[in-house]
Amino acid sequence: MGAERVREYLLTHGIAYDLHAHERAVTAQRLAEAEHISGRRIAKPVILVADDRLVMAVIPGHLDLDLEKARRALGAGDIRLAAETEFAEAFGDSEPGAEAPLGNLYGMRTVIDLRLNQETITFRGGTHEESITMAFDDYERIVAGDPVDVARE
């Protein structure tokens, strides 16, 4: 599924990463538990519709998205959470809810919450049974996302 596309993208860009198999983990908190790490290190993608365009906000797994902060950060007049039906086709190679936080790979503008800046981050690569861990610096470089404040405690 989606893990192959994500792994190919990382390999193409010369990114070192670890792939882990684990029990099915649907929420970011469950993924953190399965990986035995803090939710701070989980890169959780949230798909938004900002002025009729899909945008990916990537936040730490232990936090929630703040729509008002996102609206301001994106300079959007209109903003809302996207319905799965609005973005499922873009992520056709991934299980619903297991999208990788690589919006650029899927043609979406990506913004990265400032609090995600950890030494390493972990995220789903297209399935709920596998995760990818890589250096945040490498992630930030290949995603080229705008650093913003869009999460709330």
Protein backbone atom coordinates (compact mmCIF):
# COMPACT_ATOMS: atom_id res chain seq x y z
CA MET A 1 0.00 0.00 0.00
CA GLY A 2 1.14 3.56 0.66
CA ALA A 3 4.24 2.49 2.52
CA GLU A 4 5.95 1.55 -0.77
CA ARG A 5 5.36 5.00 -2.28
CA VAL A 6 6.62 6.73 0.86
CA ARG A 7 9.67 4.47 1.16
CA GLU A 8 10.50 5.04 -2.52
CA TYR A 9 10.23 8.80 -2.00
CA LEU A 10 12.57 8.66 1.01
CA LEU A 11 15.07 6.46 -0.82
CA THR A 12 15.00 8.73 -3.89
CA HIS A 13 15.94 11.64 -1.63
CA GLY A 14 18.68 9.68 0.17
CA ILE A 15 16.89 9.77 3.52
CA ALA A 16 17.87 7.29 6.23
CA TYR A 17 14.86 5.91 8.07
CA ASP A 18 13.70 2.95 10.13
CA LEU A 19 10.56 1.01 9.27
CA HIS A 20 8.77 -0.65 12.19
CA ALA A 21 5.98 -3.19 12.16
CA HIS A 22 3.64 -3.02 15.15
CA GLU A 23 0.12 -3.84 16.29
CA ARG A 24 -2.66 -1.91 14.55
CA ALA A 25 -2.58 1.66 15.88
CA VAL A 26 -5.32 3.96 14.60
CA THR A 27 -4.79 7.05 16.80
CA ALA A 28 -1.59 9.04 17.26
CA GLN A 29 -1.56 8.13 20.95
CA ARG A 30 -1.85 4.41 20.14
CA LEU A 31 1.00 4.78 17.65
CA ALA A 32 3.14 6.42 20.34
CA GLU A 33 2.32 3.55 22.72
CA ALA A 34 3.09 0.91 20.07
CA GLU A 35 6.43 2.60 19.37
CA HIS A 36 7.16 3.22 23.09
CA ILE A 37 7.80 6.93 22.49
CA SER A 38 6.28 10.25 23.52
CA GLY A 39 3.38 11.61 21.48
CA ARG A 40 5.58 14.68 20.98
CA ARG A 41 7.59 12.66 18.45
CA ILE A 42 4.58 11.54 16.42
CA ALA A 43 4.04 13.59 13.25
CA LYS A 44 0.24 13.72 12.88
CA PRO A 45 -1.12 15.04 9.58
CA VAL A 46 -4.40 16.94 9.62
CA ILE A 47 -6.01 17.71 6.26
CA LEU A 48 -7.70 21.08 5.94
CA VAL A 49 -9.64 22.94 3.31
CA ALA A 50 -8.31 26.49 3.25
CA ASP A 51 -10.03 28.76 0.75
CA ASP A 52 -11.14 25.71 -1.27
CA ARG A 53 -7.65 24.13 -1.42
CA LEU A 54 -6.42 21.06 0.42
CA VAL A 55 -3.61 21.82 2.87
CA MET A 56 -1.80 19.46 5.23
CA ALA A 57 -0.97 20.67 8.72
CA VAL A 58 1.48 18.41 10.56
CA ILE A 59 1.34 18.62 14.34
CA PRO A 60 2.77 16.65 17.27
CA GLY A 61 0.64 13.61 18.05
CA HIS A 62 -0.20 14.70 21.58
CA LEU A 63 -1.72 18.03 20.48
CA ASP A 64 -4.83 19.16 18.63
CA LEU A 65 -5.09 21.50 15.69
CA ASP A 66 -6.28 25.03 16.43
CA LEU A 67 -8.37 26.10 13.42
CA GLU A 68 -8.13 29.80 14.24
CA LYS A 69 -4.33 29.63 14.47
CA ALA A 70 -4.29 27.66 11.20
CA ARG A 71 -6.49 30.25 9.49
CA ARG A 72 -4.12 33.04 10.53
CA ALA A 73 -0.96 31.07 9.67
CA LEU A 74 -2.29 30.21 6.22
CA GLY A 75 -3.76 33.65 5.60
CA ALA A 76 -7.03 31.92 4.76
CA GLY A 77 -10.44 33.54 4.75
CA ASP A 78 -12.23 30.22 5.05
CA ILE A 79 -10.85 27.14 6.79
CA ARG A 80 -12.23 23.84 8.03
CA LEU A 81 -11.25 20.24 8.57
CA ALA A 82 -11.51 18.29 5.31
CA ALA A 83 -13.93 15.40 5.10
CA GLU A 84 -12.24 12.11 4.25
CA THR A 85 -14.20 11.99 0.98
CA GLU A 86 -12.48 15.23 -0.07
CA PHE A 87 -8.95 13.88 0.19
CA ALA A 88 -9.22 10.06 0.02
CA GLU A 89 -8.51 10.03 -3.72
CA ALA A 90 -5.27 11.99 -3.28
CA PHE A 91 -4.08 9.32 -0.82
CA GLY A 92 -5.45 6.35 -2.76
CA ASP A 93 -2.35 4.31 -1.92
CA SER A 94 -2.91 4.69 1.86
CA GLU A 95 -5.36 3.24 4.34
CA PRO A 96 -7.83 5.92 5.48
CA GLY A 97 -6.32 7.64 8.52
CA ALA A 98 -2.80 6.34 7.81
CA GLU A 99 -1.67 9.09 5.48
CA ALA A 100 2.01 10.02 5.66
CA PRO A 101 2.74 13.63 6.68
CA LEU A 102 4.30 14.31 3.29
CA GLY A 103 1.78 16.68 1.76
CA ASN A 104 4.22 17.66 -0.97
CA LEU A 105 4.28 14.04 -2.17
CA TYR A 106 0.53 14.32 -2.68
CA GLY A 107 0.49 17.80 -4.21
CA MET A 108 -0.54 19.68 -1.07
CA ARG A 109 0.92 22.69 0.63
CA THR A 110 2.28 21.53 3.97
CA VAL A 111 2.72 23.48 7.18
CA ILE A 112 4.61 22.05 10.15
CA ASP A 113 3.84 23.08 13.71
CA LEU A 114 6.86 24.56 15.46
CA ARG A 115 6.50 22.12 18.38
CA LEU A 116 7.18 19.11 16.16
CA ASN A 117 10.89 19.99 16.03
CA GLN A 118 12.28 16.88 17.75
CA GLU A 119 15.51 15.01 17.03
CA THR A 120 13.53 12.23 15.35
CA ILE A 121 9.90 11.89 14.37
CA THR A 122 7.70 8.87 13.75
CA PHE A 123 4.71 8.66 11.44
CA ARG A 124 2.51 6.27 9.51
CA GLY A 125 3.63 5.59 5.99
CA GLY A 126 0.31 4.45 4.57
CA THR A 127 -0.80 1.67 6.90
CA HIS A 128 -1.87 1.36 10.53
CA GLU A 129 0.58 -1.52 11.12
CA GLU A 130 3.84 0.13 10.06
CA SER A 131 5.56 3.35 11.00
CA ILE A 132 8.59 5.25 9.82
CA THR A 133 11.12 6.98 12.06
CA MET A 134 13.55 9.52 10.64
CA ALA A 135 15.51 12.61 11.59
CA PHE A 136 13.35 15.72 11.83
CA ASP A 137 15.97 17.75 9.95
CA ASP A 138 15.69 15.37 6.98
CA TYR A 139 11.90 15.50 7.16
CA GLU A 140 11.85 19.28 7.22
CA ARG A 141 14.23 19.42 4.26
CA ILE A 142 12.27 17.08 1.95
CA VAL A 143 8.84 18.40 2.86
CA ALA A 144 9.84 22.07 2.65
CA GLY A 145 6.83 22.91 4.79
CA ASP A 146 6.25 26.29 6.33
CA PRO A 147 7.04 26.34 10.09
CA VAL A 148 3.96 27.70 11.87
CA ASP A 149 2.10 27.73 15.18
CA VAL A 150 -1.13 25.80 14.48
CA ALA A 151 -1.50 23.41 17.44
CA ARG A 152 -2.90 23.88 20.92
CA GLU A 153 -2.06 22.18 24.17
